[in-house]
């Protein structure tokens, strides 16, 4: 029995070392990109955001959006669907249910 436990302990240590050696460079790469991509916008970037939103509004009002190619329109639809689905997935995770919110006092 002692040999089995000793063998299990050495194998688990070896597995942990291999997992750490495999995951450490990937985690460093993830953190490198996460620090850049996941940060909130800086005050200097708000002007660019404002200009982009104004351009979208201008394009919508002038009818310029009707002159896009079918490929661009399909890509925009797919991206919009993806954003909406991720929103709903976040809602499901947040409310911990597929249907409705748990409102205290609204049910028995």
Protein backbone atom coordinates (compact mmCIF):
# COMPACT_ATOMS: atom_id res chain seq x y z
CA UNK A 1 0.00 0.00 0.00
CA UNK A 2 2.84 2.37 0.83
CA UNK A 3 4.44 1.75 -2.56
CA UNK A 4 1.17 2.59 -4.33
CA UNK A 5 0.82 5.85 -2.40
CA UNK A 6 4.49 6.73 -3.05
CA UNK A 7 4.08 5.97 -6.76
CA UNK A 8 0.90 8.06 -6.92
CA UNK A 9 2.62 10.97 -5.16
CA UNK A 10 5.62 10.96 -7.51
CA UNK A 11 3.39 10.72 -10.59
CA UNK A 12 1.20 13.57 -9.40
CA UNK A 13 4.28 15.74 -8.73
CA UNK A 14 5.61 14.95 -12.22
CA UNK A 15 2.23 15.75 -13.76
CA UNK A 16 2.06 19.06 -11.88
CA UNK A 17 5.57 19.99 -13.05
CA UNK A 18 4.73 19.15 -16.67
CA UNK A 19 1.48 21.10 -16.46
CA UNK A 20 3.29 24.11 -15.03
CA UNK A 21 6.02 23.91 -17.69
CA UNK A 22 3.36 23.67 -20.41
CA UNK A 23 1.09 26.40 -19.08
CA UNK A 24 3.52 29.06 -17.86
CA UNK A 25 4.58 30.47 -21.27
CA UNK A 26 0.99 30.41 -22.48
CA UNK A 27 -0.19 32.23 -19.36
CA UNK A 28 2.52 34.86 -19.81
CA UNK A 29 1.39 35.40 -23.41
CA UNK A 30 -2.23 35.64 -22.28
CA UNK A 31 -1.39 38.24 -19.61
CA UNK A 32 0.67 40.26 -22.08
CA UNK A 33 -2.29 40.63 -24.42
CA UNK A 34 -4.92 40.83 -21.68
CA UNK A 35 -3.24 43.89 -20.14
CA UNK A 36 -3.52 45.70 -23.47
CA UNK A 37 -6.87 44.46 -24.78
CA UNK A 38 -8.90 44.26 -21.57
CA UNK A 39 -8.12 47.67 -20.12
CA UNK A 40 -10.79 50.37 -20.09
CA UNK A 41 -10.46 53.24 -22.56
CA UNK A 42 -8.29 56.16 -21.50
CA UNK A 43 -9.66 59.72 -21.51
CA UNK A 44 -7.63 60.44 -24.65
CA UNK A 45 -9.50 57.69 -26.52
CA UNK A 46 -12.94 59.14 -25.80
CA UNK A 47 -12.61 61.63 -28.68
CA UNK A 48 -12.00 58.80 -31.13
CA UNK A 49 -15.00 56.92 -29.72
CA UNK A 50 -17.15 60.04 -30.03
CA UNK A 51 -16.00 60.59 -33.64
CA UNK A 52 -16.74 56.96 -34.52
CA UNK A 53 -20.23 57.17 -33.04
CA UNK A 54 -20.88 60.43 -34.92
CA UNK A 55 -19.74 58.76 -38.15
CA UNK A 56 -22.14 55.85 -37.59
CA UNK A 57 -25.02 58.25 -36.99
CA UNK A 58 -24.11 60.31 -40.07
CA UNK A 59 -23.88 57.18 -42.22
CA UNK A 60 -27.28 56.01 -40.99
CA UNK A 61 -28.98 59.33 -41.64
CA UNK A 62 -27.46 59.95 -45.08
CA UNK A 63 -28.35 56.51 -46.47
CA UNK A 64 -24.70 55.76 -47.15
CA UNK A 65 -25.16 52.39 -45.45
CA UNK A 66 -27.15 51.17 -48.47
CA UNK A 67 -24.01 51.26 -50.64
CA UNK A 68 -22.10 48.48 -48.87
CA UNK A 69 -21.26 45.18 -50.50
CA UNK A 70 -23.09 41.96 -49.73
CA UNK A 71 -19.94 40.54 -48.16
CA UNK A 72 -19.62 43.51 -45.78
CA UNK A 73 -23.32 43.35 -44.93
CA UNK A 74 -23.10 39.62 -44.15
CA UNK A 75 -20.02 40.20 -42.00
CA UNK A 76 -21.78 42.99 -40.10
CA UNK A 77 -24.82 40.77 -39.50
CA UNK A 78 -22.66 37.93 -38.19
CA UNK A 79 -20.76 40.28 -35.86
CA UNK A 80 -24.03 41.77 -34.59
CA UNK A 81 -25.44 38.32 -33.90
CA UNK A 82 -22.25 37.39 -32.04
CA UNK A 83 -22.46 40.49 -29.85
CA UNK A 84 -26.13 39.84 -29.06
CA UNK A 85 -25.48 36.19 -28.21
CA UNK A 86 -22.58 37.06 -25.89
CA UNK A 87 -24.87 39.59 -24.18
CA UNK A 88 -27.48 36.89 -23.61
CA UNK A 89 -24.85 34.43 -22.38
CA UNK A 90 -23.72 37.06 -19.87
CA UNK A 91 -27.32 37.57 -18.76
CA UNK A 92 -27.79 33.83 -18.28
CA UNK A 93 -24.59 33.63 -16.24
CA UNK A 94 -25.53 36.69 -14.21
CA UNK A 95 -29.01 35.53 -13.30
CA UNK A 96 -27.93 31.88 -12.96
CA UNK A 97 -30.98 30.73 -14.87
CA UNK A 98 -32.09 30.36 -18.46
CA UNK A 99 -35.46 31.96 -17.85
CA UNK A 100 -36.32 35.03 -15.79
CA UNK A 101 -34.89 36.62 -12.70
CA UNK A 102 -35.46 35.43 -9.14
CA UNK A 103 -37.46 38.32 -7.65
CA UNK A 104 -37.98 37.84 -3.90
CA UNK A 105 -41.66 37.89 -2.99
CA UNK A 106 -42.85 37.38 -6.56
CA UNK A 107 -43.17 33.62 -6.24
CA UNK A 108 -43.84 31.03 -3.58
